[in-house]
mmCIF file of all heavy atoms, coordinates in Angstrom:
data_MODEL
# 
_entry.id   MODEL 
# 
loop_
_atom_site.group_PDB 
_atom_site.id 
_atom_site.type_symbol 
_atom_site.label_atom_id 
_atom_site.label_alt_id 
_atom_site.label_comp_id 
_atom_site.label_asym_id 
_atom_site.label_entity_id 
_atom_site.label_seq_id 
_atom_site.pdbx_PDB_ins_code 
_atom_site.Cartn_x 
_atom_site.Cartn_y 
_atom_site.Cartn_z 
_atom_site.occupancy 
_atom_site.B_iso_or_equiv 
_atom_site.pdbx_formal_charge 
_atom_site.auth_seq_id 
_atom_site.auth_comp_id 
_atom_site.auth_asym_id 
_atom_site.auth_atom_id 
_atom_site.pdbx_PDB_model_num 
ATOM 1   N N   . PRO A 1 1  ? 0.835  -1.169 0.017  1.00 0.00 ? 1  PRO A N   1 
ATOM 2   C CA  . PRO A 1 1  ? 0.004  0.007  -0.007 1.00 0.00 ? 1  PRO A CA  1 
ATOM 3   C C   . PRO A 1 1  ? 0.873  1.233  -0.015 1.00 0.00 ? 1  PRO A C   1 
ATOM 4   O O   . PRO A 1 1  ? 1.929  1.338  0.642  1.00 0.00 ? 1  PRO A O   1 
ATOM 5   C CB  . PRO A 1 1  ? -0.821 -0.130 1.291  1.00 0.00 ? 1  PRO A CB  1 
ATOM 6   C CG  . PRO A 1 1  ? -0.028 -1.059 2.157  1.00 0.00 ? 1  PRO A CG  1 
ATOM 7   C CD  . PRO A 1 1  ? 0.725  -1.948 1.213  1.00 0.00 ? 1  PRO A CD  1 
ATOM 8   N N   . LYS A 1 2  ? 0.438  2.260  -0.746 1.00 0.00 ? 2  LYS A N   1 
ATOM 9   C CA  . LYS A 1 2  ? 1.194  3.496  -0.811 1.00 0.00 ? 2  LYS A CA  1 
ATOM 10  C C   . LYS A 1 2  ? 0.776  4.408  0.345  1.00 0.00 ? 2  LYS A C   1 
ATOM 11  O O   . LYS A 1 2  ? -0.417 4.470  0.650  1.00 0.00 ? 2  LYS A O   1 
ATOM 12  C CB  . LYS A 1 2  ? 0.886  4.202  -2.134 1.00 0.00 ? 2  LYS A CB  1 
ATOM 13  C CG  . LYS A 1 2  ? 1.392  3.438  -3.330 1.00 0.00 ? 2  LYS A CG  1 
ATOM 14  C CD  . LYS A 1 2  ? 1.104  4.210  -4.598 1.00 0.00 ? 2  LYS A CD  1 
ATOM 15  C CE  . LYS A 1 2  ? 1.603  3.407  -5.819 1.00 0.00 ? 2  LYS A CE  1 
ATOM 16  N NZ  . LYS A 1 2  ? 1.272  4.099  -7.036 1.00 0.00 ? 2  LYS A NZ  1 
ATOM 17  N N   . PRO A 1 3  ? 1.764  5.091  0.946  1.00 0.00 ? 3  PRO A N   1 
ATOM 18  C CA  . PRO A 1 3  ? 1.344  5.994  2.027  1.00 0.00 ? 3  PRO A CA  1 
ATOM 19  C C   . PRO A 1 3  ? 0.596  7.197  1.498  1.00 0.00 ? 3  PRO A C   1 
ATOM 20  O O   . PRO A 1 3  ? 0.792  7.622  0.323  1.00 0.00 ? 3  PRO A O   1 
ATOM 21  C CB  . PRO A 1 3  ? 2.722  6.427  2.597  1.00 0.00 ? 3  PRO A CB  1 
ATOM 22  C CG  . PRO A 1 3  ? 3.692  6.142  1.542  1.00 0.00 ? 3  PRO A CG  1 
ATOM 23  C CD  . PRO A 1 3  ? 3.133  5.020  0.733  1.00 0.00 ? 3  PRO A CD  1 
ATOM 24  N N   . ALA A 1 4  ? -0.285 7.722  2.298  1.00 0.00 ? 4  ALA A N   1 
ATOM 25  C CA  . ALA A 1 4  ? -1.049 8.881  1.865  1.00 0.00 ? 4  ALA A CA  1 
ATOM 26  C C   . ALA A 1 4  ? -0.082 10.063 1.696  1.00 0.00 ? 4  ALA A C   1 
ATOM 27  O O   . ALA A 1 4  ? 0.746  10.319 2.556  1.00 0.00 ? 4  ALA A O   1 
ATOM 28  C CB  . ALA A 1 4  ? -2.122 9.217  2.903  1.00 0.00 ? 4  ALA A CB  1 
ATOM 29  N N   . GLU A 1 5  ? -0.216 10.765 0.613  1.00 0.00 ? 5  GLU A N   1 
ATOM 30  C CA  . GLU A 1 5  ? 0.659  11.926 0.363  1.00 0.00 ? 5  GLU A CA  1 
ATOM 31  C C   . GLU A 1 5  ? 0.002  13.181 0.856  1.00 0.00 ? 5  GLU A C   1 
ATOM 32  O O   . GLU A 1 5  ? -1.189 13.391 0.630  1.00 0.00 ? 5  GLU A O   1 
ATOM 33  C CB  . GLU A 1 5  ? 0.911  12.026 -1.156 1.00 0.00 ? 5  GLU A CB  1 
ATOM 34  C CG  . GLU A 1 5  ? 1.764  10.892 -1.684 1.00 0.00 ? 5  GLU A CG  1 
ATOM 35  C CD  . GLU A 1 5  ? 2.126  11.080 -3.138 1.00 0.00 ? 5  GLU A CD  1 
ATOM 36  O OE1 . GLU A 1 5  ? 2.104  12.232 -3.610 1.00 0.00 ? 5  GLU A OE1 1 
ATOM 37  O OE2 . GLU A 1 5  ? 2.364  10.086 -3.798 1.00 0.00 ? 5  GLU A OE2 1 
ATOM 38  N N   . GLU A 1 6  ? 0.804  13.999 1.511  1.00 0.00 ? 6  GLU A N   1 
ATOM 39  C CA  . GLU A 1 6  ? 0.318  15.332 1.951  1.00 0.00 ? 6  GLU A CA  1 
ATOM 40  C C   . GLU A 1 6  ? 0.397  16.255 0.772  1.00 0.00 ? 6  GLU A C   1 
ATOM 41  O O   . GLU A 1 6  ? 1.315  16.171 -0.033 1.00 0.00 ? 6  GLU A O   1 
ATOM 42  C CB  . GLU A 1 6  ? 1.256  15.865 3.031  1.00 0.00 ? 6  GLU A CB  1 
ATOM 43  C CG  . GLU A 1 6  ? 0.677  15.707 4.428  1.00 0.00 ? 6  GLU A CG  1 
ATOM 44  C CD  . GLU A 1 6  ? 1.548  16.404 5.434  1.00 0.00 ? 6  GLU A CD  1 
ATOM 45  O OE1 . GLU A 1 6  ? 1.515  17.658 5.509  1.00 0.00 ? 6  GLU A OE1 1 
ATOM 46  O OE2 . GLU A 1 6  ? 2.274  15.746 6.141  1.00 0.00 ? 6  GLU A OE2 1 
ATOM 47  N N   . PRO A 1 7  ? -0.540 17.133 0.704  1.00 0.00 ? 7  PRO A N   1 
ATOM 48  C CA  . PRO A 1 7  ? -0.491 18.132 -0.393 1.00 0.00 ? 7  PRO A CA  1 
ATOM 49  C C   . PRO A 1 7  ? 0.766  18.983 -0.194 1.00 0.00 ? 7  PRO A C   1 
ATOM 50  O O   . PRO A 1 7  ? 1.170  19.310 0.946  1.00 0.00 ? 7  PRO A O   1 
ATOM 51  C CB  . PRO A 1 7  ? -1.741 18.954 -0.243 1.00 0.00 ? 7  PRO A CB  1 
ATOM 52  C CG  . PRO A 1 7  ? -2.528 18.339 0.893  1.00 0.00 ? 7  PRO A CG  1 
ATOM 53  C CD  . PRO A 1 7  ? -1.728 17.276 1.507  1.00 0.00 ? 7  PRO A CD  1 
ATOM 54  N N   . PRO A 1 8  ? 1.397  19.438 -1.231 1.00 0.00 ? 8  PRO A N   1 
ATOM 55  C CA  . PRO A 1 8  ? 2.616  20.201 -1.105 1.00 0.00 ? 8  PRO A CA  1 
ATOM 56  C C   . PRO A 1 8  ? 2.465  21.514 -0.258 1.00 0.00 ? 8  PRO A C   1 
ATOM 57  O O   . PRO A 1 8  ? 3.400  21.891 0.460  1.00 0.00 ? 8  PRO A O   1 
ATOM 58  C CB  . PRO A 1 8  ? 2.970  20.594 -2.535 1.00 0.00 ? 8  PRO A CB  1 
ATOM 59  C CG  . PRO A 1 8  ? 2.314  19.587 -3.383 1.00 0.00 ? 8  PRO A CG  1 
ATOM 60  C CD  . PRO A 1 8  ? 1.094  19.159 -2.604 1.00 0.00 ? 8  PRO A CD  1 
ATOM 61  N N   . ALA A 1 9  ? 1.348  22.128 -0.289 1.00 0.00 ? 9  ALA A N   1 
ATOM 62  C CA  . ALA A 1 9  ? 1.112  23.346 0.489  1.00 0.00 ? 9  ALA A CA  1 
ATOM 63  C C   . ALA A 1 9  ? 1.184  23.041 1.955  1.00 0.00 ? 9  ALA A C   1 
ATOM 64  O O   . ALA A 1 9  ? 1.742  23.800 2.750  1.00 0.00 ? 9  ALA A O   1 
ATOM 65  C CB  . ALA A 1 9  ? -0.207 24.002 0.109  1.00 0.00 ? 9  ALA A CB  1 
ATOM 66  N N   . ALA A 1 10 ? 0.611  21.927 2.357  1.00 0.00 ? 10 ALA A N   1 
ATOM 67  C CA  . ALA A 1 10 ? 0.613  21.555 3.796  1.00 0.00 ? 10 ALA A CA  1 
ATOM 68  C C   . ALA A 1 10 ? 2.082  21.254 4.243  1.00 0.00 ? 10 ALA A C   1 
ATOM 69  O O   . ALA A 1 10 ? 2.472  21.613 5.327  1.00 0.00 ? 10 ALA A O   1 
ATOM 70  C CB  . ALA A 1 10 ? -0.258 20.345 4.028  1.00 0.00 ? 10 ALA A CB  1 
ATOM 71  N N   . VAL A 1 11 ? 2.892  20.623 3.407  1.00 0.00 ? 11 VAL A N   1 
ATOM 72  C CA  . VAL A 1 11 ? 4.272  20.313 3.696  1.00 0.00 ? 11 VAL A CA  1 
ATOM 73  C C   . VAL A 1 11 ? 5.046  21.640 3.821  1.00 0.00 ? 11 VAL A C   1 
ATOM 74  O O   . VAL A 1 11 ? 5.790  21.802 4.783  1.00 0.00 ? 11 VAL A O   1 
ATOM 75  C CB  . VAL A 1 11 ? 4.908  19.420 2.627  1.00 0.00 ? 11 VAL A CB  1 
ATOM 76  C CG1 . VAL A 1 11 ? 6.394  19.269 2.882  1.00 0.00 ? 11 VAL A CG1 1 
ATOM 77  C CG2 . VAL A 1 11 ? 4.260  18.032 2.655  1.00 0.00 ? 11 VAL A CG2 1 
ATOM 78  N N   . GLU A 1 12 ? 4.813  22.537 2.871  1.00 0.00 ? 12 GLU A N   1 
ATOM 79  C CA  . GLU A 1 12 ? 5.530  23.820 2.941  1.00 0.00 ? 12 GLU A CA  1 
ATOM 80  C C   . GLU A 1 12 ? 5.158  24.602 4.180  1.00 0.00 ? 12 GLU A C   1 
ATOM 81  O O   . GLU A 1 12 ? 5.997  25.208 4.821  1.00 0.00 ? 12 GLU A O   1 
ATOM 82  C CB  . GLU A 1 12 ? 5.193  24.648 1.664  1.00 0.00 ? 12 GLU A CB  1 
ATOM 83  C CG  . GLU A 1 12 ? 5.988  25.888 1.537  1.00 0.00 ? 12 GLU A CG  1 
ATOM 84  C CD  . GLU A 1 12 ? 5.736  26.584 0.244  1.00 0.00 ? 12 GLU A CD  1 
ATOM 85  O OE1 . GLU A 1 12 ? 5.595  25.944 -0.778 1.00 0.00 ? 12 GLU A OE1 1 
ATOM 86  O OE2 . GLU A 1 12 ? 5.670  27.831 0.270  1.00 0.00 ? 12 GLU A OE2 1 
ATOM 87  N N   . GLU A 1 13 ? 3.890  24.567 4.555  1.00 0.00 ? 13 GLU A N   1 
ATOM 88  C CA  . GLU A 1 13 ? 3.396  25.289 5.746  1.00 0.00 ? 13 GLU A CA  1 
ATOM 89  C C   . GLU A 1 13 ? 4.062  24.698 7.015  1.00 0.00 ? 13 GLU A C   1 
ATOM 90  O O   . GLU A 1 13 ? 4.481  25.407 7.875  1.00 0.00 ? 13 GLU A O   1 
ATOM 91  C CB  . GLU A 1 13 ? 1.885  25.221 5.839  1.00 0.00 ? 13 GLU A CB  1 
ATOM 92  C CG  . GLU A 1 13 ? 1.338  26.027 6.947  1.00 0.00 ? 13 GLU A CG  1 
ATOM 93  C CD  . GLU A 1 13 ? -0.212 26.013 6.934  1.00 0.00 ? 13 GLU A CD  1 
ATOM 94  O OE1 . GLU A 1 13 ? -0.784 26.039 5.882  1.00 0.00 ? 13 GLU A OE1 1 
ATOM 95  O OE2 . GLU A 1 13 ? -0.762 25.996 8.051  1.00 0.00 ? 13 GLU A OE2 1 
ATOM 96  N N   . THR A 1 14 ? 4.126  23.367 7.055  1.00 0.00 ? 14 THR A N   1 
ATOM 97  C CA  . THR A 1 14 ? 4.735  22.690 8.174  1.00 0.00 ? 14 THR A CA  1 
ATOM 98  C C   . THR A 1 14 ? 6.253  23.073 8.291  1.00 0.00 ? 14 THR A C   1 
ATOM 99  O O   . THR A 1 14 ? 6.737  23.339 9.375  1.00 0.00 ? 14 THR A O   1 
ATOM 100 C CB  . THR A 1 14 ? 4.574  21.180 8.057  1.00 0.00 ? 14 THR A CB  1 
ATOM 101 O OG1 . THR A 1 14 ? 3.198  20.888 7.955  1.00 0.00 ? 14 THR A OG1 1 
ATOM 102 C CG2 . THR A 1 14 ? 5.151  20.422 9.210  1.00 0.00 ? 14 THR A CG2 1 
ATOM 103 N N   . VAL A 1 15 ? 6.923  23.133 7.150  1.00 0.00 ? 15 VAL A N   1 
ATOM 104 C CA  . VAL A 1 15 ? 8.329  23.481 7.167  1.00 0.00 ? 15 VAL A CA  1 
ATOM 105 C C   . VAL A 1 15 ? 8.488  24.927 7.618  1.00 0.00 ? 15 VAL A C   1 
ATOM 106 O O   . VAL A 1 15 ? 9.361  25.240 8.407  1.00 0.00 ? 15 VAL A O   1 
ATOM 107 C CB  . VAL A 1 15 ? 8.973  23.260 5.765  1.00 0.00 ? 15 VAL A CB  1 
ATOM 108 C CG1 . VAL A 1 15 ? 10.351 23.903 5.672  1.00 0.00 ? 15 VAL A CG1 1 
ATOM 109 C CG2 . VAL A 1 15 ? 9.007  21.814 5.401  1.00 0.00 ? 15 VAL A CG2 1 
ATOM 110 N N   . ASN A 1 16 ? 7.636  25.834 7.124  1.00 0.00 ? 16 ASN A N   1 
ATOM 111 C CA  . ASN A 1 16 ? 7.678  27.197 7.573  1.00 0.00 ? 16 ASN A CA  1 
ATOM 112 C C   . ASN A 1 16 ? 7.437  27.341 9.044  1.00 0.00 ? 16 ASN A C   1 
ATOM 113 O O   . ASN A 1 16 ? 8.101  28.130 9.730  1.00 0.00 ? 16 ASN A O   1 
ATOM 114 C CB  . ASN A 1 16 ? 6.728  28.095 6.763  1.00 0.00 ? 16 ASN A CB  1 
ATOM 115 C CG  . ASN A 1 16 ? 7.160  28.296 5.307  1.00 0.00 ? 16 ASN A CG  1 
ATOM 116 O OD1 . ASN A 1 16 ? 8.343  28.190 5.014  1.00 0.00 ? 16 ASN A OD1 1 
ATOM 117 N ND2 . ASN A 1 16 ? 6.218  28.627 4.438  1.00 0.00 ? 16 ASN A ND2 1 
ATOM 118 N N   . ASP A 1 17 ? 6.463  26.609 9.539  1.00 0.00 ? 17 ASP A N   1 
ATOM 119 C CA  . ASP A 1 17 ? 6.214  26.629 11.000 1.00 0.00 ? 17 ASP A CA  1 
ATOM 120 C C   . ASP A 1 17 ? 7.391  26.165 11.817 1.00 0.00 ? 17 ASP A C   1 
ATOM 121 O O   . ASP A 1 17 ? 7.777  26.747 12.860 1.00 0.00 ? 17 ASP A O   1 
ATOM 122 C CB  . ASP A 1 17 ? 4.974  25.795 11.351 1.00 0.00 ? 17 ASP A CB  1 
ATOM 123 C CG  . ASP A 1 17 ? 3.683  26.369 10.832 1.00 0.00 ? 17 ASP A CG  1 
ATOM 124 O OD1 . ASP A 1 17 ? 3.682  27.583 10.463 1.00 0.00 ? 17 ASP A OD1 1 
ATOM 125 O OD2 . ASP A 1 17 ? 2.651  25.673 10.769 1.00 0.00 ? 17 ASP A OD2 1 
ATOM 126 N N   . ALA A 1 18 ? 8.063  25.141 11.314 1.00 0.00 ? 18 ALA A N   1 
ATOM 127 C CA  . ALA A 1 18 ? 9.240  24.591 12.059 1.00 0.00 ? 18 ALA A CA  1 
ATOM 128 C C   . ALA A 1 18 ? 10.391 25.606 11.976 1.00 0.00 ? 18 ALA A C   1 
ATOM 129 O O   . ALA A 1 18 ? 11.067 25.805 12.986 1.00 0.00 ? 18 ALA A O   1 
ATOM 130 C CB  . ALA A 1 18 ? 9.672  23.262 11.363 1.00 0.00 ? 18 ALA A CB  1 
ATOM 131 N N   . VAL A 1 19 ? 10.564 26.250 10.805 1.00 0.00 ? 19 VAL A N   1 
ATOM 132 C CA  . VAL A 1 19 ? 11.577 27.305 10.752 1.00 0.00 ? 19 VAL A CA  1 
ATOM 133 C C   . VAL A 1 19 ? 11.295 28.476 11.705 1.00 0.00 ? 19 VAL A C   1 
ATOM 134 O O   . VAL A 1 19 ? 12.188 28.924 12.416 1.00 0.00 ? 19 VAL A O   1 
ATOM 135 C CB  . VAL A 1 19 ? 11.742 27.776 9.302  1.00 0.00 ? 19 VAL A CB  1 
ATOM 136 C CG1 . VAL A 1 19 ? 12.615 29.052 9.230  1.00 0.00 ? 19 VAL A CG1 1 
ATOM 137 C CG2 . VAL A 1 19 ? 12.307 26.697 8.428  1.00 0.00 ? 19 VAL A CG2 1 
ATOM 138 N N   . ASP A 1 20 ? 10.057 28.892 11.744 1.00 0.00 ? 20 ASP A N   1 
ATOM 139 C CA  . ASP A 1 20 ? 9.658  29.948 12.683 1.00 0.00 ? 20 ASP A CA  1 
ATOM 140 C C   . ASP A 1 20 ? 9.907  29.576 14.105 1.00 0.00 ? 20 ASP A C   1 
ATOM 141 O O   . ASP A 1 20 ? 10.419 30.359 14.897 1.00 0.00 ? 20 ASP A O   1 
ATOM 142 C CB  . ASP A 1 20 ? 8.202  30.327 12.478 1.00 0.00 ? 20 ASP A CB  1 
ATOM 143 C CG  . ASP A 1 20 ? 7.927  30.994 11.108 1.00 0.00 ? 20 ASP A CG  1 
ATOM 144 O OD1 . ASP A 1 20 ? 8.923  31.508 10.478 1.00 0.00 ? 20 ASP A OD1 1 
ATOM 145 O OD2 . ASP A 1 20 ? 6.761  31.077 10.683 1.00 0.00 ? 20 ASP A OD2 1 
ATOM 146 N N   . ALA A 1 21 ? 9.505  28.364 14.455 1.00 0.00 ? 21 ALA A N   1 
ATOM 147 C CA  . ALA A 1 21 ? 9.700  27.923 15.880 1.00 0.00 ? 21 ALA A CA  1 
ATOM 148 C C   . ALA A 1 21 ? 11.210 27.835 16.198 1.00 0.00 ? 21 ALA A C   1 
ATOM 149 O O   . ALA A 1 21 ? 11.607 28.207 17.287 1.00 0.00 ? 21 ALA A O   1 
ATOM 150 C CB  . ALA A 1 21 ? 9.036  26.536 16.050 1.00 0.00 ? 21 ALA A CB  1 
ATOM 151 N N   . THR A 1 22 ? 11.987 27.378 15.237 1.00 0.00 ? 22 THR A N   1 
ATOM 152 C CA  . THR A 1 22 ? 13.446 27.274 15.466 1.00 0.00 ? 22 THR A CA  1 
ATOM 153 C C   . THR A 1 22 ? 14.041 28.649 15.650 1.00 0.00 ? 22 THR A C   1 
ATOM 154 O O   . THR A 1 22 ? 14.883 28.856 16.482 1.00 0.00 ? 22 THR A O   1 
ATOM 155 C CB  . THR A 1 22 ? 14.126 26.587 14.313 1.00 0.00 ? 22 THR A CB  1 
ATOM 156 O OG1 . THR A 1 22 ? 13.544 25.267 14.151 1.00 0.00 ? 22 THR A OG1 1 
ATOM 157 C CG2 . THR A 1 22 ? 15.618 26.434 14.506 1.00 0.00 ? 22 THR A CG2 1 
ATOM 158 N N   . THR A 1 23 ? 13.573 29.615 14.819 1.00 0.00 ? 23 THR A N   1 
ATOM 159 C CA  . THR A 1 23 ? 14.106 30.996 14.926 1.00 0.00 ? 23 THR A CA  1 
ATOM 160 C C   . THR A 1 23 ? 13.718 31.619 16.246 1.00 0.00 ? 23 THR A C   1 
ATOM 161 O O   . THR A 1 23 ? 14.531 32.243 16.900 1.00 0.00 ? 23 THR A O   1 
ATOM 162 C CB  . THR A 1 23 ? 13.532 31.834 13.765 1.00 0.00 ? 23 THR A CB  1 
ATOM 163 O OG1 . THR A 1 23 ? 13.890 31.240 12.532 1.00 0.00 ? 23 THR A OG1 1 
ATOM 164 C CG2 . THR A 1 23 ? 14.078 33.260 13.845 1.00 0.00 ? 23 THR A CG2 1 
ATOM 165 N N   . GLU A 1 24 ? 12.494 31.408 16.687 1.00 0.00 ? 24 GLU A N   1 
ATOM 166 C CA  . GLU A 1 24 ? 12.047 31.890 18.018 1.00 0.00 ? 24 GLU A CA  1 
ATOM 167 C C   . GLU A 1 24 ? 12.840 31.303 19.100 1.00 0.00 ? 24 GLU A C   1 
ATOM 168 O O   . GLU A 1 24 ? 13.249 31.993 20.067 1.00 0.00 ? 24 GLU A O   1 
ATOM 169 C CB  . GLU A 1 24 ? 10.575 31.686 18.167 1.00 0.00 ? 24 GLU A CB  1 
ATOM 170 C CG  . GLU A 1 24 ? 9.659  32.498 17.316 1.00 0.00 ? 24 GLU A CG  1 
ATOM 171 C CD  . GLU A 1 24 ? 8.213  32.162 17.453 1.00 0.00 ? 24 GLU A CD  1 
ATOM 172 O OE1 . GLU A 1 24 ? 7.842  31.386 18.341 1.00 0.00 ? 24 GLU A OE1 1 
ATOM 173 O OE2 . GLU A 1 24 ? 7.421  32.627 16.614 1.00 0.00 ? 24 GLU A OE2 1 
ATOM 174 N N   . ALA A 1 25 ? 13.128 29.983 19.048 1.00 0.00 ? 25 ALA A N   1 
ATOM 175 C CA  . ALA A 1 25 ? 13.897 29.323 20.125 1.00 0.00 ? 25 ALA A CA  1 
ATOM 176 C C   . ALA A 1 25 ? 15.314 29.841 20.082 1.00 0.00 ? 25 ALA A C   1 
ATOM 177 O O   . ALA A 1 25 ? 15.881 30.100 21.164 1.00 0.00 ? 25 ALA A O   1 
ATOM 178 C CB  . ALA A 1 25 ? 13.890 27.840 19.841 1.00 0.00 ? 25 ALA A CB  1 
# 
């Protein structure tokens, strides 16, 4: 079975959130 793929926008948003959290930390 193939894993469910996240839409690219959601992945980009998650990466941006991680970058923001890292910058704040």
